[in-house]
Amino acid sequence: MGCDGLWDAMSSQSAVTMARRELVLHNDPERCSRELLREALKRNTCHNLTVVVICLSADPPPRLEPEPRVRRSLSAEALNSLRKVLTVIVKGMMYRRTASSL
């Protein structure tokens, strides 16, 4: 929980991300609150500043594993179509540039 001084300095997602990271590191809500306060002060908040971190479990939050990147590729037909479209766009830009310099 935080007052407007915190929310003026960072988004709720930024605060949640930082709190989660801190709790995974040391699982200390008081220390986590201090780190959020320090970060808000670094970002030059101009309001009063109150932060309370409440843990609903004694265990630290689980580490979030990044989702594996999925490699996607274009079919040969799609790649060929994309090349044609980009060629038309580039030629149009070159034509406009040449016409505007006349």
PDB file of N, CA and C in Angstrom:
ATOM      1  N   MET A   1       0.857  -1.165   0.000  1.00  0.00           N
ATOM      2  CA  MET A   1       0.000   0.000   0.000  1.00  0.00           C
ATOM      3  C   MET A   1       0.900   1.223   0.000  1.00  0.00           C
ATOM      4  N   GLY A   2       0.444   2.253  -0.672  1.00  0.00           N
ATOM      5  CA  GLY A   2       1.235   3.473  -0.723  1.00  0.00           C
ATOM      6  C   GLY A   2       0.348   4.676  -0.920  1.00  0.00           C
ATOM      7  N   CYS A   3       0.866   5.831  -0.546  1.00  0.00           N
ATOM      8  CA  CYS A   3       0.107   7.070  -0.740  1.00  0.00           C
ATOM      9  C   CYS A   3       0.502   7.698  -2.073  1.00  0.00           C
ATOM     10  N   ASP A   4      -0.069   8.849  -2.366  1.00  0.00           N
ATOM     11  CA  ASP A   4       0.131   9.466  -3.683  1.00  0.00           C
ATOM     12  C   ASP A   4       1.584   9.819  -3.967  1.00  0.00           C
ATOM     13  N   GLY A   5       2.396  10.012  -2.954  1.00  0.00           N
ATOM     14  CA  GLY A   5       3.812  10.284  -3.185  1.00  0.00           C
ATOM     15  C   GLY A   5       4.499   9.141  -3.907  1.00  0.00           C
ATOM     16  N   LEU A   6       4.104   7.924  -3.589  1.00  0.00           N
ATOM     17  CA  LEU A   6       4.668   6.764  -4.278  1.00  0.00           C
ATOM     18  C   LEU A   6       4.131   6.683  -5.700  1.00  0.00           C
ATOM     19  N   TRP A   7       2.812   6.845  -5.841  1.00  0.00           N
ATOM     20  CA  TRP A   7       2.193   6.663  -7.164  1.00  0.00           C
ATOM     21  C   TRP A   7       2.505   7.795  -8.118  1.00  0.00           C
ATOM     22  N   ASP A   8       2.892   8.964  -7.589  1.00  0.00           N
ATOM     23  CA  ASP A   8       3.351  10.037  -8.472  1.00  0.00           C
ATOM     24  C   ASP A   8       4.735   9.727  -9.029  1.00  0.00           C
ATOM     25  N   ALA A   9       5.504   8.920  -8.290  1.00  0.00           N
ATOM     26  CA  ALA A   9       6.877   8.632  -8.688  1.00  0.00           C
ATOM     27  C   ALA A   9       7.004   7.392  -9.562  1.00  0.00           C
ATOM     28  N   MET A  10       6.083   6.442  -9.413  1.00  0.00           N
ATOM     29  CA  MET A  10       6.204   5.207 -10.191  1.00  0.00           C
ATOM     30  C   MET A  10       4.832   4.606 -10.445  1.00  0.00           C
ATOM     31  N   SER A  11       4.754   3.807 -11.470  1.00  0.00           N
ATOM     32  CA  SER A  11       3.495   3.129 -11.788  1.00  0.00           C
ATOM     33  C   SER A  11       3.270   1.987 -10.804  1.00  0.00           C
ATOM     34  N   SER A  12       2.048   1.537 -10.725  1.00  0.00           N
ATOM     35  CA  SER A  12       1.767   0.410  -9.836  1.00  0.00           C
ATOM     36  C   SER A  12       2.547  -0.823 -10.280  1.00  0.00           C
ATOM     37  N   GLN A  13       2.690  -1.023 -11.596  1.00  0.00           N
ATOM     38  CA  GLN A  13       3.447  -2.177 -12.073  1.00  0.00           C
ATOM     39  C   GLN A  13       4.915  -2.073 -11.677  1.00  0.00           C
ATOM     40  N   SER A  14       5.492  -0.879 -11.747  1.00  0.00           N
ATOM     41  CA  SER A  14       6.887  -0.697 -11.323  1.00  0.00           C
ATOM     42  C   SER A  14       7.054  -1.018  -9.851  1.00  0.00           C
ATOM     43  N   ALA A  15       6.113  -0.561  -9.033  1.00  0.00           N
ATOM     44  CA  ALA A  15       6.184  -0.822  -7.593  1.00  0.00           C
ATOM     45  C   ALA A  15       6.050  -2.309  -7.311  1.00  0.00           C
ATOM     46  N   VAL A  16       5.129  -2.976  -7.977  1.00  0.00           N
ATOM     47  CA  VAL A  16       4.938  -4.415  -7.774  1.00  0.00           C
ATOM     48  C   VAL A  16       6.183  -5.178  -8.215  1.00  0.00           C
ATOM     49  N   THR A  17       6.731  -4.822  -9.342  1.00  0.00           N
ATOM     50  CA  THR A  17       7.928  -5.487  -9.844  1.00  0.00           C
ATOM     51  C   THR A  17       9.086  -5.320  -8.870  1.00  0.00           C
ATOM     52  N   MET A  18       9.260  -4.105  -8.365  1.00  0.00           N
ATOM     53  CA  MET A  18      10.347  -3.845  -7.424  1.00  0.00           C
ATOM     54  C   MET A  18      10.112  -4.581  -6.105  1.00  0.00           C
ATOM     55  N   ALA A  19       8.886  -4.546  -5.583  1.00  0.00           N
ATOM     56  CA  ALA A  19       8.570  -5.234  -4.327  1.00  0.00           C
ATOM     57  C   ALA A  19       8.800  -6.729  -4.473  1.00  0.00           C
ATOM     58  N   ARG A  20       8.362  -7.296  -5.570  1.00  0.00           N
ATOM     59  CA  ARG A  20       8.549  -8.737  -5.794  1.00  0.00           C
ATOM     60  C   ARG A  20      10.032  -9.076  -5.834  1.00  0.00           C
ATOM     61  N   ARG A  21      10.807  -8.273  -6.574  1.00  0.00           N
ATOM     62  CA  ARG A  21      12.242  -8.519  -6.691  1.00  0.00           C
ATOM     63  C   ARG A  21      12.908  -8.459  -5.315  1.00  0.00           C
ATOM     64  N   GLU A  22      12.550  -7.442  -4.523  1.00  0.00           N
ATOM     65  CA  GLU A  22      13.127  -7.292  -3.177  1.00  0.00           C
ATOM     66  C   GLU A  22      12.739  -8.461  -2.275  1.00  0.00           C
ATOM     67  N   LEU A  23      11.479  -8.871  -2.328  1.00  0.00           N
ATOM     68  CA  LEU A  23      11.028  -9.972  -1.470  1.00  0.00           C
ATOM     69  C   LEU A  23      11.674 -11.296  -1.859  1.00  0.00           C
ATOM     70  N   VAL A  24      11.900 -11.502  -3.153  1.00  0.00           N
ATOM     71  CA  VAL A  24      12.591 -12.714  -3.587  1.00  0.00           C
ATOM     72  C   VAL A  24      14.018 -12.711  -3.038  1.00  0.00           C
ATOM     73  N   LEU A  25      14.653 -11.529  -3.010  1.00  0.00           N
ATOM     74  CA  LEU A  25      16.035 -11.434  -2.538  1.00  0.00           C
ATOM     75  C   LEU A  25      16.161 -11.672  -1.034  1.00  0.00           C
ATOM     76  N   HIS A  26      15.304 -11.001  -0.239  1.00  0.00           N
ATOM     77  CA  HIS A  26      15.516 -11.055   1.210  1.00  0.00           C
ATOM     78  C   HIS A  26      14.265 -11.351   2.027  1.00  0.00           C
ATOM     79  N   ASN A  27      13.096 -11.406   1.428  1.00  0.00           N
ATOM     80  CA  ASN A  27      11.833 -11.734   2.109  1.00  0.00           C
ATOM     81  C   ASN A  27      11.613 -10.917   3.385  1.00  0.00           C
ATOM     82  N   ASP A  28      11.924  -9.620   3.308  1.00  0.00           N
ATOM     83  CA  ASP A  28      11.764  -8.730   4.456  1.00  0.00           C
ATOM     84  C   ASP A  28      10.868  -7.560   4.041  1.00  0.00           C
ATOM     85  N   PRO A  29       9.579  -7.566   4.438  1.00  0.00           N
ATOM     86  CA  PRO A  29       8.660  -6.513   3.999  1.00  0.00           C
ATOM     87  C   PRO A  29       9.075  -5.116   4.456  1.00  0.00           C
ATOM     88  N   GLU A  30       9.672  -5.009   5.636  1.00  0.00           N
ATOM     89  CA  GLU A  30      10.101  -3.688   6.120  1.00  0.00           C
ATOM     90  C   GLU A  30      11.221  -3.136   5.240  1.00  0.00           C
ATOM     91  N   ARG A  31      12.184  -3.973   4.948  1.00  0.00           N
ATOM     92  CA  ARG A  31      13.289  -3.566   4.065  1.00  0.00           C
ATOM     93  C   ARG A  31      12.759  -3.239   2.670  1.00  0.00           C
ATOM     94  N   CYS A  32      11.815  -4.005   2.216  1.00  0.00           N
ATOM     95  CA  CYS A  32      11.196  -3.772   0.914  1.00  0.00           C
ATOM     96  C   CYS A  32      10.513  -2.402   0.881  1.00  0.00           C
ATOM     97  N   SER A  33       9.811  -2.059   1.955  1.00  0.00           N
ATOM     98  CA  SER A  33       9.163  -0.746   2.061  1.00  0.00           C
ATOM     99  C   SER A  33      10.197   0.375   1.978  1.00  0.00           C
ATOM    100  N   ARG A  34      11.317   0.200   2.692  1.00  0.00           N
ATOM    101  CA  ARG A  34      12.374   1.223   2.664  1.00  0.00           C
ATOM    102  C   ARG A  34      12.938   1.387   1.255  1.00  0.00           C
ATOM    103  N   GLU A  35      13.109   0.268   0.541  1.00  0.00           N
ATOM    104  CA  GLU A  35      13.640   0.347  -0.827  1.00  0.00           C
ATOM    105  C   GLU A  35      12.668   1.073  -1.763  1.00  0.00           C
ATOM    106  N   LEU A  36      11.387   0.813  -1.592  1.00  0.00           N
ATOM    107  CA  LEU A  36      10.386   1.532  -2.399  1.00  0.00           C
ATOM    108  C   LEU A  36      10.417   3.026  -2.084  1.00  0.00           C
ATOM    109  N   LEU A  37      10.553   3.371  -0.809  1.00  0.00           N
ATOM    110  CA  LEU A  37      10.661   4.782  -0.416  1.00  0.00           C
ATOM    111  C   LEU A  37      11.890   5.426  -1.049  1.00  0.00           C
ATOM    112  N   ARG A  38      13.022   4.736  -0.956  1.00  0.00           N
ATOM    113  CA  ARG A  38      14.265   5.282  -1.539  1.00  0.00           C
ATOM    114  C   ARG A  38      14.113   5.515  -3.038  1.00  0.00           C
ATOM    115  N   GLU A  39      13.502   4.553  -3.710  1.00  0.00           N
ATOM    116  CA  GLU A  39      13.322   4.690  -5.159  1.00  0.00           C
ATOM    117  C   GLU A  39      12.426   5.875  -5.493  1.00  0.00           C
ATOM    118  N   ALA A  40      11.345   6.049  -4.745  1.00  0.00           N
ATOM    119  CA  ALA A  40      10.445   7.185  -4.984  1.00  0.00           C
ATOM    120  C   ALA A  40      11.181   8.500  -4.736  1.00  0.00           C
ATOM    121  N   LEU A  41      12.013   8.551  -3.706  1.00  0.00           N
ATOM    122  CA  LEU A  41      12.784   9.772  -3.425  1.00  0.00           C
ATOM    123  C   LEU A  41      13.801  10.045  -4.523  1.00  0.00           C
ATOM    124  N   LYS A  42      14.419   8.999  -5.064  1.00  0.00           N
ATOM    125  CA  LYS A  42      15.353   9.168  -6.181  1.00  0.00           C
ATOM    126  C   LYS A  42      14.651   9.767  -7.391  1.00  0.00           C
ATOM    127  N   ARG A  43      13.367   9.430  -7.531  1.00  0.00           N
ATOM    128  CA  ARG A  43      12.594   9.925  -8.674  1.00  0.00           C
ATOM    129  C   ARG A  43      11.956  11.274  -8.380  1.00  0.00           C
ATOM    130  N   ASN A  44      12.383  11.909  -7.320  1.00  0.00           N
ATOM    131  CA  ASN A  44      11.979  13.277  -6.960  1.00  0.00           C
ATOM    132  C   ASN A  44      10.484  13.446  -6.744  1.00  0.00           C
ATOM    133  N   THR A  45       9.895  12.574  -5.952  1.00  0.00           N
ATOM    134  CA  THR A  45       8.489  12.761  -5.612  1.00  0.00           C
ATOM    135  C   THR A  45       8.337  14.025  -4.784  1.00  0.00           C
ATOM    136  N   CYS A  46       7.255  14.763  -4.972  1.00  0.00           N
ATOM    137  CA  CYS A  46       7.064  16.022  -4.240  1.00  0.00           C
ATOM    138  C   CYS A  46       5.965  15.926  -3.190  1.00  0.00           C
ATOM    139  N   HIS A  47       5.416  14.762  -2.978  1.00  0.00           N
ATOM    140  CA  HIS A  47       4.321  14.615  -2.022  1.00  0.00           C
ATOM    141  C   HIS A  47       4.817  13.860  -0.787  1.00  0.00           C
ATOM    142  N   ASN A  48       3.906  13.783   0.202  1.00  0.00           N
ATOM    143  CA  ASN A  48       4.229  12.943   1.346  1.00  0.00           C
ATOM    144  C   ASN A  48       4.384  11.508   0.856  1.00  0.00           C
ATOM    145  N   LEU A  49       5.101  10.726   1.609  1.00  0.00           N
ATOM    146  CA  LEU A  49       5.457   9.400   1.127  1.00  0.00           C
ATOM    147  C   LEU A  49       5.262   8.379   2.226  1.00  0.00           C
ATOM    148  N   THR A  50       4.349   7.445   1.989  1.00  0.00           N
ATOM    149  CA  THR A  50       4.103   6.345   2.913  1.00  0.00           C
ATOM    150  C   THR A  50       3.999   5.061   2.114  1.00  0.00           C
ATOM    151  N   VAL A  51       4.710   4.030   2.560  1.00  0.00           N
ATOM    152  CA  VAL A  51       4.671   2.731   1.893  1.00  0.00           C
ATOM    153  C   VAL A  51       4.553   1.654   2.961  1.00  0.00           C
ATOM    154  N   VAL A  52       3.650   0.728   2.765  1.00  0.00           N
ATOM    155  CA  VAL A  52       3.505  -0.428   3.642  1.00  0.00           C
ATOM    156  C   VAL A  52       3.448  -1.661   2.749  1.00  0.00           C
ATOM    157  N   VAL A  53       4.343  -2.603   2.988  1.00  0.00           N
ATOM    158  CA  VAL A  53       4.337  -3.865   2.253  1.00  0.00           C
ATOM    159  C   VAL A  53       3.728  -4.920   3.162  1.00  0.00           C
ATOM    160  N   ILE A  54       2.709  -5.576   2.686  1.00  0.00           N
ATOM    161  CA  ILE A  54       2.008  -6.602   3.457  1.00  0.00           C
ATOM    162  C   ILE A  54       2.215  -7.938   2.758  1.00  0.00           C
ATOM    163  N   CYS A  55       2.769  -8.892   3.483  1.00  0.00           N
ATOM    164  CA  CYS A  55       2.968 -10.234   2.933  1.00  0.00           C
ATOM    165  C   CYS A  55       1.874 -11.142   3.467  1.00  0.00           C
ATOM    166  N   LEU A  56       1.216 -11.832   2.591  1.00  0.00           N
ATOM    167  CA  LEU A  56       0.152 -12.745   2.986  1.00  0.00           C
ATOM    168  C   LEU A  56       0.673 -14.166   3.193  1.00  0.00           C
ATOM    169  N   SER A  57       1.977 -14.338   3.012  1.00  0.00           N
ATOM    170  CA  SER A  57       2.603 -15.640   3.216  1.00  0.00           C
ATOM    171  C   SER A  57       3.966 -15.402   3.846  1.00  0.00           C
ATOM    172  N   ALA A  58       4.390 -16.300   4.704  1.00  0.00           N
ATOM    173  CA  ALA A  58       5.718 -16.184   5.316  1.00  0.00           C
ATOM    174  C   ALA A  58       6.824 -16.531   4.325  1.00  0.00           C
ATOM    175  N   ASP A  59       6.470 -17.253   3.263  1.00  0.00           N
ATOM    176  CA  ASP A  59       7.456 -17.654   2.260  1.00  0.00           C
ATOM    177  C   ASP A  59       7.660 -16.525   1.254  1.00  0.00           C
ATOM    178  N   PRO A  60       8.880 -16.428   0.716  1.00  0.00           N
ATOM    179  CA  PRO A  60       9.088 -15.427  -0.334  1.00  0.00           C
ATOM    180  C   PRO A  60       8.288 -15.808  -1.574  1.00  0.00           C
ATOM    181  N   PRO A  61       7.986 -14.836  -2.419  1.00  0.00           N
ATOM    182  CA  PRO A  61       7.256 -15.170  -3.651  1.00  0.00           C
ATOM    183  C   PRO A  61       8.127 -16.053  -4.546  1.00  0.00           C
ATOM    184  N   PRO A  62       7.497 -16.898  -5.325  1.00  0.00           N
ATOM    185  CA  PRO A  62       8.288 -17.747  -6.225  1.00  0.00           C
ATOM    186  C   PRO A  62       8.963 -16.898  -7.297  1.00  0.00           C
ATOM    187  N   ARG A  63      10.108 -17.352  -7.722  1.00  0.00           N
ATOM    188  CA  ARG A  63      10.800 -16.655  -8.818  1.00  0.00           C
ATOM    189  C   ARG A  63       9.989 -16.837 -10.095  1.00  0.00           C
ATOM    190  N   LEU A  64       9.860 -15.769 -10.829  1.00  0.00           N
ATOM    191  CA  LEU A  64       9.159 -15.844 -12.109  1.00  0.00           C
ATOM    192  C   LEU A  64      10.171 -16.142 -13.195  1.00  0.00           C
ATOM    193  N   GLU A  65       9.949 -17.206 -13.878  1.00  0.00           N
ATOM    194  CA  GLU A  65      10.828 -17.570 -14.985  1.00  0.00           C
ATOM    195  C   GLU A  65      10.365 -16.836 -16.232  1.00  0.00           C
ATOM    196  N   PRO A  66      11.295 -16.247 -16.956  1.00  0.00           N
ATOM    197  CA  PRO A  66      10.875 -15.587 -18.197  1.00  0.00           C
ATOM    198  C   PRO A  66      10.308 -16.614 -19.163  1.00  0.00           C
ATOM    199  N   GLU A  67       9.295 -16.191 -19.888  1.00  0.00           N
ATOM    200  CA  GLU A  67       8.699 -17.107 -20.858  1.00  0.00           C
ATOM    201  C   GLU A  67       9.696 -17.354 -21.981  1.00  0.00           C
ATOM    202  N   PRO A  68       9.821 -18.603 -22.398  1.00  0.00           N
ATOM    203  CA  PRO A  68      10.775 -18.891 -23.470  1.00  0.00           C
ATOM    204  C   PRO A  68      10.364 -18.174 -24.752  1.00  0.00           C
ATOM    205  N   ARG A  69      11.365 -17.669 -25.441  1.00  0.00           N
ATOM    206  CA  ARG A  69      11.079 -16.994 -26.718  1.00  0.00           C
ATOM    207  C   ARG A  69      10.698 -18.023 -27.753  1.00  0.00           C
ATOM    208  N   VAL A  70       9.677 -17.710 -28.453  1.00  0.00           N
ATOM    209  CA  VAL A  70       9.231 -18.595 -29.525  1.00  0.00           C
ATOM    210  C   VAL A  70       9.727 -17.996 -30.824  1.00  0.00           C
ATOM    211  N   ARG A  71      10.469 -18.787 -31.537  1.00  0.00           N
ATOM    212  CA  ARG A  71      10.963 -18.305 -32.821  1.00  0.00           C
ATOM    213  C   ARG A  71       9.892 -18.521 -33.869  1.00  0.00           C
ATOM    214  N   ARG A  72       9.601 -17.479 -34.568  1.00  0.00           N
ATOM    215  CA  ARG A  72       8.609 -17.570 -35.629  1.00  0.00           C
ATOM    216  C   ARG A  72       9.293 -17.213 -36.936  1.00  0.00           C
ATOM    217  N   SER A  73       8.842 -17.824 -37.981  1.00  0.00           N
ATOM    218  CA  SER A  73       9.414 -17.503 -39.279  1.00  0.00           C
ATOM    219  C   SER A  73       8.288 -17.325 -40.294  1.00  0.00           C
ATOM    220  N   LEU A  74       8.615 -16.605 -41.334  1.00  0.00           N
ATOM    221  CA  LEU A  74       7.657 -16.385 -42.410  1.00  0.00           C
ATOM    222  C   LEU A  74       7.828 -17.466 -43.466  1.00  0.00           C
ATOM    223  N   SER A  75       6.737 -17.799 -44.093  1.00  0.00           N
ATOM    224  CA  SER A  75       6.834 -18.723 -45.223  1.00  0.00           C
ATOM    225  C   SER A  75       7.539 -17.991 -46.362  1.00  0.00           C
ATOM    226  N   ALA A  76       8.042 -18.743 -47.314  1.00  0.00           N
ATOM    227  CA  ALA A  76       8.716 -18.142 -48.464  1.00  0.00           C
ATOM    228  C   ALA A  76       7.772 -17.202 -49.207  1.00  0.00           C
ATOM    229  N   GLU A  77       6.508 -17.584 -49.303  1.00  0.00           N
ATOM    230  CA  GLU A  77       5.516 -16.757 -49.999  1.00  0.00           C
ATOM    231  C   GLU A  77       5.293 -15.436 -49.248  1.00  0.00           C
ATOM    232  N   ALA A  78       5.161 -15.510 -47.913  1.00  0.00           N
ATOM    233  CA  ALA A  78       4.944 -14.301 -47.123  1.00  0.00           C
ATOM    234  C   ALA A  78       6.163 -13.388 -47.187  1.00  0.00           C
ATOM    235  N   LEU A  79       7.351 -13.970 -47.135  1.00  0.00           N
ATOM    236  CA  LEU A  79       8.576 -13.188 -47.218  1.00  0.00           C
ATOM    237  C   LEU A  79       8.678 -12.475 -48.558  1.00  0.00           C
ATOM    238  N   ASN A  80       8.324 -13.164 -49.632  1.00  0.00           N
ATOM    239  CA  ASN A  80       8.350 -12.571 -50.961  1.00  0.00           C
ATOM    240  C   ASN A  80       7.348 -11.418 -51.056  1.00  0.00           C
ATOM    241  N   SER A  81       6.144 -11.598 -50.498  1.00  0.00           N
ATOM    242  CA  SER A  81       5.128 -10.532 -50.502  1.00  0.00           C
ATOM    243  C   SER A  81       5.618  -9.325 -49.713  1.00  0.00           C
ATOM    244  N   LEU A  82       6.249  -9.556 -48.579  1.00  0.00           N
ATOM    245  CA  LEU A  82       6.771  -8.468 -47.764  1.00  0.00           C
ATOM    246  C   LEU A  82       7.845  -7.695 -48.510  1.00  0.00           C
ATOM    247  N   ARG A  83       8.718  -8.387 -49.197  1.00  0.00           N
ATOM    248  CA  ARG A  83       9.758  -7.716 -49.992  1.00  0.00           C
ATOM    249  C   ARG A  83       9.144  -6.813 -51.055  1.00  0.00           C
ATOM    250  N   LYS A  84       8.102  -7.316 -51.726  1.00  0.00           N
ATOM    251  CA  LYS A  84       7.446  -6.521 -52.764  1.00  0.00           C
ATOM    252  C   LYS A  84       6.837  -5.246 -52.181  1.00  0.00           C
ATOM    253  N   VAL A  85       6.151  -5.380 -51.042  1.00  0.00           N
ATOM    254  CA  VAL A  85       5.521  -4.221 -50.411  1.00  0.00           C
ATOM    255  C   VAL A  85       6.574  -3.211 -49.980  1.00  0.00           C
ATOM    256  N   LEU A  86       7.661  -3.685 -49.371  1.00  0.00           N
ATOM    257  CA  LEU A  86       8.721  -2.773 -48.933  1.00  0.00           C
ATOM    258  C   LEU A  86       9.399  -2.096 -50.112  1.00  0.00           C
ATOM    259  N   THR A  87       9.574  -2.798 -51.206  1.00  0.00           N
ATOM    260  CA  THR A  87      10.164  -2.204 -52.408  1.00  0.00           C
ATOM    261  C   THR A  87       9.290  -1.074 -52.925  1.00  0.00           C
ATOM    262  N   VAL A  88       7.977  -1.289 -52.970  1.00  0.00           N
ATOM    263  CA  VAL A  88       7.043  -0.247 -53.429  1.00  0.00           C
ATOM    264  C   VAL A  88       7.121   0.966 -52.502  1.00  0.00           C
ATOM    265  N   ILE A  89       7.164   0.729 -51.198  1.00  0.00           N
ATOM    266  CA  ILE A  89       7.226   1.838 -50.236  1.00  0.00           C
ATOM    267  C   ILE A  89       8.510   2.633 -50.418  1.00  0.00           C
ATOM    268  N   VAL A  90       9.640   1.955 -50.528  1.00  0.00           N
ATOM    269  CA  VAL A  90      10.927   2.635 -50.677  1.00  0.00           C
ATOM    270  C   VAL A  90      10.963   3.417 -51.983  1.00  0.00           C
ATOM    271  N   LYS A  91      10.476   2.821 -53.066  1.00  0.00           N
ATOM    272  CA  LYS A  91      10.454   3.540 -54.349  1.00  0.00           C
ATOM    273  C   LYS A  91       9.570   4.771 -54.261  1.00  0.00           C
ATOM    274  N   GLY A  92       8.447   4.665 -53.566  1.00  0.00           N
ATOM    275  CA  GLY A  92       7.562   5.820 -53.395  1.00  0.00           C
ATOM    276  C   GLY A  92       8.227   6.928 -52.597  1.00  0.00           C
ATOM    277  N   MET A  93       8.979   6.554 -51.581  1.00  0.00           N
ATOM    278  CA  MET A  93       9.689   7.558 -50.777  1.00  0.00           C
ATOM    279  C   MET A  93      10.767   8.238 -51.608  1.00  0.00           C
ATOM    280  N   MET A  94      11.471   7.460 -52.427  1.00  0.00           N
ATOM    281  CA  MET A  94      12.519   8.033 -53.264  1.00  0.00           C
ATOM    282  C   MET A  94      11.913   8.957 -54.310  1.00  0.00           C
ATOM    283  N   TYR A  95      10.761   8.584 -54.868  1.00  0.00           N
ATOM    284  CA  TYR A  95      10.096   9.413 -55.861  1.00  0.00           C
ATOM    285  C   TYR A  95       9.673  10.743 -55.242  1.00  0.00           C
ATOM    286  N   ARG A  96       9.078  10.682 -54.027  1.00  0.00           N
ATOM    287  CA  ARG A  96       8.647  11.912 -53.353  1.00  0.00           C
ATOM    288  C   ARG A  96       9.828  12.816 -53.037  1.00  0.00           C
ATOM    289  N   ARG A  97      10.949  12.228 -52.631  1.00  0.00           N
ATOM    290  CA  ARG A  97      12.124  13.005 -52.300  1.00  0.00           C
ATOM    291  C   ARG A  97      12.671  13.697 -53.561  1.00  0.00           C
ATOM    292  N   THR A  98      12.697  12.967 -54.666  1.00  0.00           N
ATOM    293  CA  THR A  98      13.198  13.530 -55.926  1.00  0.00           C
ATOM    294  C   THR A  98      12.250  14.631 -56.426  1.00  0.00           C
ATOM    295  N   ALA A  99      10.931  14.400 -56.356  1.00  0.00           N
ATOM    296  CA  ALA A  99       9.946  15.361 -56.820  1.00  0.00           C
ATOM    297  C   ALA A  99       9.972  16.635 -55.973  1.00  0.00           C
ATOM    298  N   SER A 100      10.209  16.521 -54.682  1.00  0.00           N
ATOM    299  CA  SER A 100      10.208  17.701 -53.820  1.00  0.00           C
ATOM    300  C   SER A 100      11.461  18.538 -54.000  1.00  0.00           C
ATOM    301  N   SER A 101      12.527  17.973 -54.532  1.00  0.00           N
ATOM    302  CA  SER A 101      13.752  18.744 -54.721  1.00  0.00           C
ATOM    303  C   SER A 101      13.758  19.500 -56.036  1.00  0.00           C
ATOM    304  N   LEU A 102      12.771  19.227 -56.895  1.00  0.00           N
ATOM    305  CA  LEU A 102      12.718  19.919 -58.195  1.00  0.00           C
ATOM    306  C   LEU A 102      12.166  21.297 -58.084  1.00  0.00           C
TER     307      LEU A 102
END
